[in-house]
Amino acid sequence: MAIQQCLKAWVYGKVQGVGYRLFCKRRAKELGLQGYALNLPDGRVEVLICGEEAQLQKMIESLYLGPIFAQVLGVDVEPADPRQLAGFMTGG
């Protein structure tokens, strides 16, 4: 069985009001990942994802693309504590 890991990403650019969080939820489900996506007051979207390393890398690649109306300027990623996980949710 593969080791579960968690990553937290902050996505910036035009990522609010364009369906970015729903995009994250759908893509995470396709990849078998858990986590959350929420809008931050500064215009970024915070994404926590947990799962197998290969699937996490695919999700990070997807974060750079986003949905059709998003304009992702960058993604900052760091390891995260799996205790923050509570199933995939969207908020904010």
PDB file of N, CA and C in Angstrom:
ATOM      1  N   MET A   1       0.836  -1.188   0.000  1.00  0.00           N
ATOM      2  CA  MET A   1       0.000   0.000   0.000  1.00  0.00           C
ATOM      3  C   MET A   1       0.879   1.249   0.000  1.00  0.00           C
ATOM      4  N   ALA A   2       0.533   2.213  -0.817  1.00  0.00           N
ATOM      5  CA  ALA A   2       1.319   3.436  -0.930  1.00  0.00           C
ATOM      6  C   ALA A   2       1.133   4.317   0.303  1.00  0.00           C
ATOM      7  N   ILE A   3       2.166   5.058   0.617  1.00  0.00           N
ATOM      8  CA  ILE A   3       2.127   5.961   1.760  1.00  0.00           C
ATOM      9  C   ILE A   3       1.304   7.196   1.422  1.00  0.00           C
ATOM     10  N   GLN A   4       0.399   7.575   2.328  1.00  0.00           N
ATOM     11  CA  GLN A   4      -0.414   8.777   2.144  1.00  0.00           C
ATOM     12  C   GLN A   4       0.412   9.994   2.527  1.00  0.00           C
ATOM     13  N   GLN A   5       0.319  11.016   1.709  1.00  0.00           N
ATOM     14  CA  GLN A   5       0.981  12.279   1.974  1.00  0.00           C
ATOM     15  C   GLN A   5      -0.035  13.387   1.824  1.00  0.00           C
ATOM     16  N   CYS A   6       0.275  14.546   2.387  1.00  0.00           N
ATOM     17  CA  CYS A   6      -0.585  15.713   2.234  1.00  0.00           C
ATOM     18  C   CYS A   6       0.246  16.905   1.786  1.00  0.00           C
ATOM     19  N   LEU A   7      -0.351  17.693   0.916  1.00  0.00           N
ATOM     20  CA  LEU A   7       0.256  18.930   0.444  1.00  0.00           C
ATOM     21  C   LEU A   7      -0.753  20.053   0.582  1.00  0.00           C
ATOM     22  N   LYS A   8      -0.236  21.242   0.844  1.00  0.00           N
ATOM     23  CA  LYS A   8      -1.078  22.425   0.844  1.00  0.00           C
ATOM     24  C   LYS A   8      -0.548  23.350  -0.248  1.00  0.00           C
ATOM     25  N   ALA A   9      -1.491  23.891  -1.025  1.00  0.00           N
ATOM     26  CA  ALA A   9      -1.115  24.782  -2.127  1.00  0.00           C
ATOM     27  C   ALA A   9      -1.909  26.074  -2.022  1.00  0.00           C
ATOM     28  N   TRP A  10      -1.265  27.148  -2.420  1.00  0.00           N
ATOM     29  CA  TRP A  10      -1.922  28.449  -2.525  1.00  0.00           C
ATOM     30  C   TRP A  10      -1.827  28.856  -3.980  1.00  0.00           C
ATOM     31  N   VAL A  11      -2.979  29.016  -4.605  1.00  0.00           N
ATOM     32  CA  VAL A  11      -3.050  29.303  -6.033  1.00  0.00           C
ATOM     33  C   VAL A  11      -3.432  30.773  -6.200  1.00  0.00           C
ATOM     34  N   TYR A  12      -2.675  31.490  -7.017  1.00  0.00           N
ATOM     35  CA  TYR A  12      -2.987  32.904  -7.201  1.00  0.00           C
ATOM     36  C   TYR A  12      -3.111  33.251  -8.679  1.00  0.00           C
ATOM     37  N   GLY A  13      -3.771  34.364  -8.924  1.00  0.00           N
ATOM     38  CA  GLY A  13      -4.130  34.809 -10.257  1.00  0.00           C
ATOM     39  C   GLY A  13      -5.627  35.080 -10.249  1.00  0.00           C
ATOM     40  N   LYS A  14      -6.270  34.876 -11.376  1.00  0.00           N
ATOM     41  CA  LYS A  14      -7.737  34.997 -11.442  1.00  0.00           C
ATOM     42  C   LYS A  14      -8.311  33.614 -11.134  1.00  0.00           C
ATOM     43  N   VAL A  15      -8.506  33.342  -9.827  1.00  0.00           N
ATOM     44  CA  VAL A  15      -8.919  32.006  -9.400  1.00  0.00           C
ATOM     45  C   VAL A  15     -10.171  32.025  -8.516  1.00  0.00           C
ATOM     46  N   GLN A  16     -10.734  33.190  -8.293  1.00  0.00           N
ATOM     47  CA  GLN A  16     -11.992  33.265  -7.556  1.00  0.00           C
ATOM     48  C   GLN A  16     -13.083  33.751  -8.500  1.00  0.00           C
ATOM     49  N   GLY A  17     -14.272  33.171  -8.348  1.00  0.00           N
ATOM     50  CA  GLY A  17     -15.397  33.542  -9.198  1.00  0.00           C
ATOM     51  C   GLY A  17     -15.363  32.905 -10.578  1.00  0.00           C
ATOM     52  N   VAL A  18     -14.526  31.879 -10.744  1.00  0.00           N
ATOM     53  CA  VAL A  18     -14.390  31.219 -12.051  1.00  0.00           C
ATOM     54  C   VAL A  18     -14.593  29.700 -11.964  1.00  0.00           C
ATOM     55  N   GLY A  19     -15.094  29.210 -10.818  1.00  0.00           N
ATOM     56  CA  GLY A  19     -15.325  27.783 -10.650  1.00  0.00           C
ATOM     57  C   GLY A  19     -14.088  26.996 -10.271  1.00  0.00           C
ATOM     58  N   TYR A  20     -13.076  27.690  -9.746  1.00  0.00           N
ATOM     59  CA  TYR A  20     -11.819  27.014  -9.423  1.00  0.00           C
ATOM     60  C   TYR A  20     -11.982  25.967  -8.323  1.00  0.00           C
ATOM     61  N   ARG A  21     -12.719  26.288  -7.277  1.00  0.00           N
ATOM     62  CA  ARG A  21     -12.897  25.335  -6.175  1.00  0.00           C
ATOM     63  C   ARG A  21     -13.641  24.085  -6.632  1.00  0.00           C
ATOM     64  N   LEU A  22     -14.671  24.249  -7.434  1.00  0.00           N
ATOM     65  CA  LEU A  22     -15.405  23.095  -7.963  1.00  0.00           C
ATOM     66  C   LEU A  22     -14.502  22.260  -8.868  1.00  0.00           C
ATOM     67  N   PHE A  23     -13.684  22.933  -9.663  1.00  0.00           N
ATOM     68  CA  PHE A  23     -12.694  22.249 -10.496  1.00  0.00           C
ATOM     69  C   PHE A  23     -11.792  21.371  -9.624  1.00  0.00           C
ATOM     70  N   CYS A  24     -11.316  21.934  -8.512  1.00  0.00           N
ATOM     71  CA  CYS A  24     -10.446  21.186  -7.598  1.00  0.00           C
ATOM     72  C   CYS A  24     -11.164  19.969  -7.031  1.00  0.00           C
ATOM     73  N   LYS A  25     -12.392  20.161  -6.631  1.00  0.00           N
ATOM     74  CA  LYS A  25     -13.164  19.067  -6.043  1.00  0.00           C
ATOM     75  C   LYS A  25     -13.333  17.930  -7.047  1.00  0.00           C
ATOM     76  N   ARG A  26     -13.698  18.276  -8.266  1.00  0.00           N
ATOM     77  CA  ARG A  26     -13.902  17.244  -9.299  1.00  0.00           C
ATOM     78  C   ARG A  26     -12.602  16.520  -9.629  1.00  0.00           C
ATOM     79  N   ARG A  27     -11.518  17.277  -9.784  1.00  0.00           N
ATOM     80  CA  ARG A  27     -10.234  16.669 -10.144  1.00  0.00           C
ATOM     81  C   ARG A  27      -9.724  15.785  -9.006  1.00  0.00           C
ATOM     82  N   ALA A  28      -9.877  16.236  -7.772  1.00  0.00           N
ATOM     83  CA  ALA A  28      -9.444  15.436  -6.625  1.00  0.00           C
ATOM     84  C   ALA A  28     -10.221  14.123  -6.573  1.00  0.00           C
ATOM     85  N   LYS A  29     -11.514  14.187  -6.833  1.00  0.00           N
ATOM     86  CA  LYS A  29     -12.333  12.975  -6.830  1.00  0.00           C
ATOM     87  C   LYS A  29     -11.853  12.010  -7.914  1.00  0.00           C
ATOM     88  N   GLU A  30     -11.561  12.534  -9.114  1.00  0.00           N
ATOM     89  CA  GLU A  30     -11.044  11.692 -10.209  1.00  0.00           C
ATOM     90  C   GLU A  30      -9.761  10.982  -9.798  1.00  0.00           C
ATOM     91  N   LEU A  31      -8.932  11.664  -9.022  1.00  0.00           N
ATOM     92  CA  LEU A  31      -7.626  11.129  -8.638  1.00  0.00           C
ATOM     93  C   LEU A  31      -7.652  10.356  -7.322  1.00  0.00           C
ATOM     94  N   GLY A  32      -8.814  10.297  -6.681  1.00  0.00           N
ATOM     95  CA  GLY A  32      -8.915   9.569  -5.419  1.00  0.00           C
ATOM     96  C   GLY A  32      -8.267  10.288  -4.251  1.00  0.00           C
ATOM     97  N   LEU A  33      -8.242  11.611  -4.301  1.00  0.00           N
ATOM     98  CA  LEU A  33      -7.631  12.411  -3.238  1.00  0.00           C
ATOM     99  C   LEU A  33      -8.694  12.982  -2.319  1.00  0.00           C
ATOM    100  N   GLN A  34      -8.277  13.333  -1.117  1.00  0.00           N
ATOM    101  CA  GLN A  34      -9.144  14.017  -0.169  1.00  0.00           C
ATOM    102  C   GLN A  34      -8.537  15.368   0.155  1.00  0.00           C
ATOM    103  N   GLY A  35      -9.362  16.299   0.645  1.00  0.00           N
ATOM    104  CA  GLY A  35      -8.839  17.595   1.036  1.00  0.00           C
ATOM    105  C   GLY A  35      -9.907  18.658   0.985  1.00  0.00           C
ATOM    106  N   TYR A  36      -9.476  19.887   0.719  1.00  0.00           N
ATOM    107  CA  TYR A  36     -10.419  20.997   0.622  1.00  0.00           C
ATOM    108  C   TYR A  36      -9.857  22.075  -0.289  1.00  0.00           C
ATOM    109  N   ALA A  37     -10.738  22.957  -0.717  1.00  0.00           N
ATOM    110  CA  ALA A  37     -10.361  24.149  -1.468  1.00  0.00           C
ATOM    111  C   ALA A  37     -11.203  25.288  -0.919  1.00  0.00           C
ATOM    112  N   LEU A  38     -10.554  26.409  -0.581  1.00  0.00           N
ATOM    113  CA  LEU A  38     -11.319  27.544  -0.082  1.00  0.00           C
ATOM    114  C   LEU A  38     -10.724  28.857  -0.558  1.00  0.00           C
ATOM    115  N   ASN A  39     -11.622  29.819  -0.755  1.00  0.00           N
ATOM    116  CA  ASN A  39     -11.198  31.153  -1.161  1.00  0.00           C
ATOM    117  C   ASN A  39     -10.610  31.879   0.040  1.00  0.00           C
ATOM    118  N   LEU A  40      -9.534  32.614  -0.192  1.00  0.00           N
ATOM    119  CA  LEU A  40      -8.925  33.439   0.841  1.00  0.00           C
ATOM    120  C   LEU A  40      -9.260  34.901   0.583  1.00  0.00           C
ATOM    121  N   PRO A  41      -9.278  35.722   1.633  1.00  0.00           N
ATOM    122  CA  PRO A  41      -9.620  37.138   1.466  1.00  0.00           C
ATOM    123  C   PRO A  41      -8.700  37.895   0.510  1.00  0.00           C
ATOM    124  N   ASP A  42      -7.472  37.418   0.335  1.00  0.00           N
ATOM    125  CA  ASP A  42      -6.518  38.119  -0.535  1.00  0.00           C
ATOM    126  C   ASP A  42      -6.636  37.736  -2.010  1.00  0.00           C
ATOM    127  N   GLY A  43      -7.640  36.900  -2.355  1.00  0.00           N
ATOM    128  CA  GLY A  43      -7.866  36.532  -3.752  1.00  0.00           C
ATOM    129  C   GLY A  43      -7.283  35.188  -4.151  1.00  0.00           C
ATOM    130  N   ARG A  44      -6.490  34.585  -3.290  1.00  0.00           N
ATOM    131  CA  ARG A  44      -5.936  33.263  -3.595  1.00  0.00           C
ATOM    132  C   ARG A  44      -6.946  32.176  -3.231  1.00  0.00           C
ATOM    133  N   VAL A  45      -6.675  30.955  -3.708  1.00  0.00           N
ATOM    134  CA  VAL A  45      -7.417  29.768  -3.288  1.00  0.00           C
ATOM    135  C   VAL A  45      -6.422  28.865  -2.568  1.00  0.00           C
ATOM    136  N   GLU A  46      -6.805  28.421  -1.371  1.00  0.00           N
ATOM    137  CA  GLU A  46      -5.997  27.481  -0.603  1.00  0.00           C
ATOM    138  C   GLU A  46      -6.530  26.086  -0.863  1.00  0.00           C
ATOM    139  N   VAL A  47      -5.634  25.153  -1.172  1.00  0.00           N
ATOM    140  CA  VAL A  47      -6.023  23.776  -1.481  1.00  0.00           C
ATOM    141  C   VAL A  47      -5.197  22.835  -0.620  1.00  0.00           C
ATOM    142  N   LEU A  48      -5.862  21.951   0.107  1.00  0.00           N
ATOM    143  CA  LEU A  48      -5.199  20.878   0.845  1.00  0.00           C
ATOM    144  C   LEU A  48      -5.582  19.577   0.168  1.00  0.00           C
ATOM    145  N   ILE A  49      -4.587  18.758  -0.163  1.00  0.00           N
ATOM    146  CA  ILE A  49      -4.846  17.474  -0.809  1.00  0.00           C
ATOM    147  C   ILE A  49      -4.021  16.389  -0.125  1.00  0.00           C
ATOM    148  N   CYS A  50      -4.630  15.226   0.050  1.00  0.00           N
ATOM    149  CA  CYS A  50      -3.966  14.086   0.676  1.00  0.00           C
ATOM    150  C   CYS A  50      -4.232  12.837  -0.149  1.00  0.00           C
ATOM    151  N   GLY A  51      -3.190  12.038  -0.303  1.00  0.00           N
ATOM    152  CA  GLY A  51      -3.316  10.798  -1.060  1.00  0.00           C
ATOM    153  C   GLY A  51      -1.951  10.254  -1.423  1.00  0.00           C
ATOM    154  N   GLU A  52      -1.921   9.435  -2.455  1.00  0.00           N
ATOM    155  CA  GLU A  52      -0.674   8.834  -2.916  1.00  0.00           C
ATOM    156  C   GLU A  52       0.144   9.856  -3.705  1.00  0.00           C
ATOM    157  N   GLU A  53       1.461   9.732  -3.596  1.00  0.00           N
ATOM    158  CA  GLU A  53       2.369  10.725  -4.185  1.00  0.00           C
ATOM    159  C   GLU A  53       2.126  10.961  -5.679  1.00  0.00           C
ATOM    160  N   ALA A  54       1.946   9.896  -6.448  1.00  0.00           N
ATOM    161  CA  ALA A  54       1.745  10.059  -7.893  1.00  0.00           C
ATOM    162  C   ALA A  54       0.480  10.858  -8.188  1.00  0.00           C
ATOM    163  N   GLN A  55      -0.577  10.593  -7.429  1.00  0.00           N
ATOM    164  CA  GLN A  55      -1.834  11.304  -7.636  1.00  0.00           C
ATOM    165  C   GLN A  55      -1.717  12.763  -7.193  1.00  0.00           C
ATOM    166  N   LEU A  56      -0.967  13.004  -6.127  1.00  0.00           N
ATOM    167  CA  LEU A  56      -0.742  14.377  -5.674  1.00  0.00           C
ATOM    168  C   LEU A  56      -0.035  15.192  -6.752  1.00  0.00           C
ATOM    169  N   GLN A  57       0.945  14.588  -7.395  1.00  0.00           N
ATOM    170  CA  GLN A  57       1.676  15.307  -8.443  1.00  0.00           C
ATOM    171  C   GLN A  57       0.759  15.647  -9.622  1.00  0.00           C
ATOM    172  N   LYS A  58      -0.129  14.728  -9.967  1.00  0.00           N
ATOM    173  CA  LYS A  58      -1.094  15.005 -11.038  1.00  0.00           C
ATOM    174  C   LYS A  58      -2.018  16.156 -10.650  1.00  0.00           C
ATOM    175  N   MET A  59      -2.419  16.190  -9.376  1.00  0.00           N
ATOM    176  CA  MET A  59      -3.300  17.263  -8.911  1.00  0.00           C
ATOM    177  C   MET A  59      -2.579  18.604  -8.949  1.00  0.00           C
ATOM    178  N   ILE A  60      -1.319  18.628  -8.522  1.00  0.00           N
ATOM    179  CA  ILE A  60      -0.551  19.876  -8.559  1.00  0.00           C
ATOM    180  C   ILE A  60      -0.445  20.375  -9.994  1.00  0.00           C
ATOM    181  N   GLU A  61      -0.195  19.489 -10.937  1.00  0.00           N
ATOM    182  CA  GLU A  61      -0.155  19.876 -12.354  1.00  0.00           C
ATOM    183  C   GLU A  61      -1.489  20.487 -12.774  1.00  0.00           C
ATOM    184  N   SER A  62      -2.586  19.895 -12.312  1.00  0.00           N
ATOM    185  CA  SER A  62      -3.920  20.404 -12.651  1.00  0.00           C
ATOM    186  C   SER A  62      -4.167  21.778 -12.049  1.00  0.00           C
ATOM    187  N   LEU A  63      -3.616  22.038 -10.860  1.00  0.00           N
ATOM    188  CA  LEU A  63      -3.809  23.341 -10.219  1.00  0.00           C
ATOM    189  C   LEU A  63      -3.259  24.464 -11.085  1.00  0.00           C
ATOM    190  N   TYR A  64      -2.197  24.198 -11.822  1.00  0.00           N
ATOM    191  CA  TYR A  64      -1.623  25.211 -12.704  1.00  0.00           C
ATOM    192  C   TYR A  64      -2.528  25.521 -13.891  1.00  0.00           C
ATOM    193  N   LEU A  65      -3.391  24.581 -14.248  1.00  0.00           N
ATOM    194  CA  LEU A  65      -4.296  24.772 -15.384  1.00  0.00           C
ATOM    195  C   LEU A  65      -5.603  25.420 -14.946  1.00  0.00           C
ATOM    196  N   GLY A  66      -6.263  24.802 -13.971  1.00  0.00           N
ATOM    197  CA  GLY A  66      -7.544  25.317 -13.495  1.00  0.00           C
ATOM    198  C   GLY A  66      -8.627  25.183 -14.544  1.00  0.00           C
ATOM    199  N   PRO A  67      -9.814  25.703 -14.229  1.00  0.00           N
ATOM    200  CA  PRO A  67     -10.920  25.673 -15.186  1.00  0.00           C
ATOM    201  C   PRO A  67     -10.696  26.692 -16.305  1.00  0.00           C
ATOM    202  N   ILE A  68     -11.521  26.635 -17.321  1.00  0.00           N
ATOM    203  CA  ILE A  68     -11.319  27.418 -18.542  1.00  0.00           C
ATOM    204  C   ILE A  68     -11.212  28.928 -18.321  1.00  0.00           C
ATOM    205  N   PHE A  69     -11.968  29.503 -17.372  1.00  0.00           N
ATOM    206  CA  PHE A  69     -11.953  30.950 -17.185  1.00  0.00           C
ATOM    207  C   PHE A  69     -10.917  31.421 -16.170  1.00  0.00           C
ATOM    208  N   ALA A  70     -10.217  30.493 -15.534  1.00  0.00           N
ATOM    209  CA  ALA A  70      -9.170  30.864 -14.576  1.00  0.00           C
ATOM    210  C   ALA A  70      -7.921  31.325 -15.314  1.00  0.00           C
ATOM    211  N   GLN A  71      -7.162  32.172 -14.651  1.00  0.00           N
ATOM    212  CA  GLN A  71      -5.852  32.589 -15.140  1.00  0.00           C
ATOM    213  C   GLN A  71      -4.876  32.405 -13.985  1.00  0.00           C
ATOM    214  N   VAL A  72      -4.295  31.227 -13.906  1.00  0.00           N
ATOM    215  CA  VAL A  72      -3.393  30.897 -12.813  1.00  0.00           C
ATOM    216  C   VAL A  72      -2.032  31.528 -13.085  1.00  0.00           C
ATOM    217  N   LEU A  73      -1.589  32.350 -12.150  1.00  0.00           N
ATOM    218  CA  LEU A  73      -0.279  32.995 -12.264  1.00  0.00           C
ATOM    219  C   LEU A  73       0.797  32.216 -11.521  1.00  0.00           C
ATOM    220  N   GLY A  74       0.391  31.424 -10.542  1.00  0.00           N
ATOM    221  CA  GLY A  74       1.368  30.648  -9.796  1.00  0.00           C
ATOM    222  C   GLY A  74       0.717  29.777  -8.747  1.00  0.00           C
ATOM    223  N   VAL A  75       1.499  28.798  -8.287  1.00  0.00           N
ATOM    224  CA  VAL A  75       1.050  27.876  -7.251  1.00  0.00           C
ATOM    225  C   VAL A  75       2.217  27.663  -6.294  1.00  0.00           C
ATOM    226  N   ASP A  76       2.007  27.981  -5.022  1.00  0.00           N
ATOM    227  CA  ASP A  76       2.999  27.702  -3.983  1.00  0.00           C
ATOM    228  C   ASP A  76       2.562  26.447  -3.252  1.00  0.00           C
ATOM    229  N   VAL A  77       3.494  25.493  -3.070  1.00  0.00           N
ATOM    230  CA  VAL A  77       3.158  24.201  -2.477  1.00  0.00           C
ATOM    231  C   VAL A  77       4.116  23.891  -1.337  1.00  0.00           C
ATOM    232  N   GLU A  78       3.564  23.320  -0.271  1.00  0.00           N
ATOM    233  CA  GLU A  78       4.407  22.846   0.832  1.00  0.00           C
ATOM    234  C   GLU A  78       3.766  21.611   1.452  1.00  0.00           C
ATOM    235  N   PRO A  79       4.568  20.791   2.162  1.00  0.00           N
ATOM    236  CA  PRO A  79       3.995  19.635   2.860  1.00  0.00           C
ATOM    237  C   PRO A  79       2.977  20.102   3.893  1.00  0.00           C
ATOM    238  N   ALA A  80       1.975  19.262   4.150  1.00  0.00           N
ATOM    239  CA  ALA A  80       0.922  19.625   5.101  1.00  0.00           C
ATOM    240  C   ALA A  80       0.700  18.502   6.095  1.00  0.00           C
ATOM    241  N   ASP A  81       0.098  18.870   7.202  1.00  0.00           N
ATOM    242  CA  ASP A  81      -0.228  17.939   8.272  1.00  0.00           C
ATOM    243  C   ASP A  81      -1.534  17.218   7.930  1.00  0.00           C
ATOM    244  N   PRO A  82      -1.519  15.892   7.854  1.00  0.00           N
ATOM    245  CA  PRO A  82      -2.753  15.165   7.516  1.00  0.00           C
ATOM    246  C   PRO A  82      -3.869  15.346   8.537  1.00  0.00           C
ATOM    247  N   ARG A  83      -3.578  15.838   9.729  1.00  0.00           N
ATOM    248  CA  ARG A  83      -4.628  16.059  10.726  1.00  0.00           C
ATOM    249  C   ARG A  83      -5.559  17.192  10.321  1.00  0.00           C
ATOM    250  N   GLN A  84      -5.170  17.977   9.302  1.00  0.00           N
ATOM    251  CA  GLN A  84      -6.038  19.048   8.792  1.00  0.00           C
ATOM    252  C   GLN A  84      -7.126  18.506   7.878  1.00  0.00           C
ATOM    253  N   LEU A  85      -7.027  17.253   7.507  1.00  0.00           N
ATOM    254  CA  LEU A  85      -7.935  16.653   6.544  1.00  0.00           C
ATOM    255  C   LEU A  85      -9.290  16.331   7.153  1.00  0.00           C
ATOM    256  N   ALA A  86     -10.335  16.656   6.413  1.00  0.00           N
ATOM    257  CA  ALA A  86     -11.696  16.324   6.869  1.00  0.00           C
ATOM    258  C   ALA A  86     -12.588  16.026   5.666  1.00  0.00           C
ATOM    259  N   GLY A  87     -12.102  15.235   4.688  1.00  0.00           N
ATOM    260  CA  GLY A  87     -12.879  14.964   3.480  1.00  0.00           C
ATOM    261  C   GLY A  87     -12.827  16.158   2.548  1.00  0.00           C
ATOM    262  N   PHE A  88     -13.117  15.986   1.272  1.00  0.00           N
ATOM    263  CA  PHE A  88     -12.999  17.116   0.356  1.00  0.00           C
ATOM    264  C   PHE A  88     -14.169  18.048   0.498  1.00  0.00           C
ATOM    265  N   MET A  89     -13.861  19.312   0.714  1.00  0.00           N
ATOM    266  CA  MET A  89     -14.887  20.335   0.893  1.00  0.00           C
ATOM    267  C   MET A  89     -14.474  21.563   0.085  1.00  0.00           C
ATOM    268  N   THR A  90     -15.427  22.407  -0.203  1.00  0.00           N
ATOM    269  CA  THR A  90     -15.120  23.721  -0.745  1.00  0.00           C
ATOM    270  C   THR A  90     -15.742  24.743   0.184  1.00  0.00           C
ATOM    271  N   GLY A  91     -15.134  25.876   0.279  1.00  0.00           N
ATOM    272  CA  GLY A  91     -15.664  26.892   1.191  1.00  0.00           C
ATOM    273  C   GLY A  91     -15.136  28.258   0.849  1.00  0.00           C
ATOM    274  N   GLY A  92     -15.685  29.248   1.531  1.00  0.00           N
ATOM    275  CA  GLY A  92     -15.217  30.628   1.384  1.00  0.00           C
ATOM    276  C   GLY A  92     -15.695  31.247   0.146  1.00  0.00           C
TER     277      GLY A  92
END
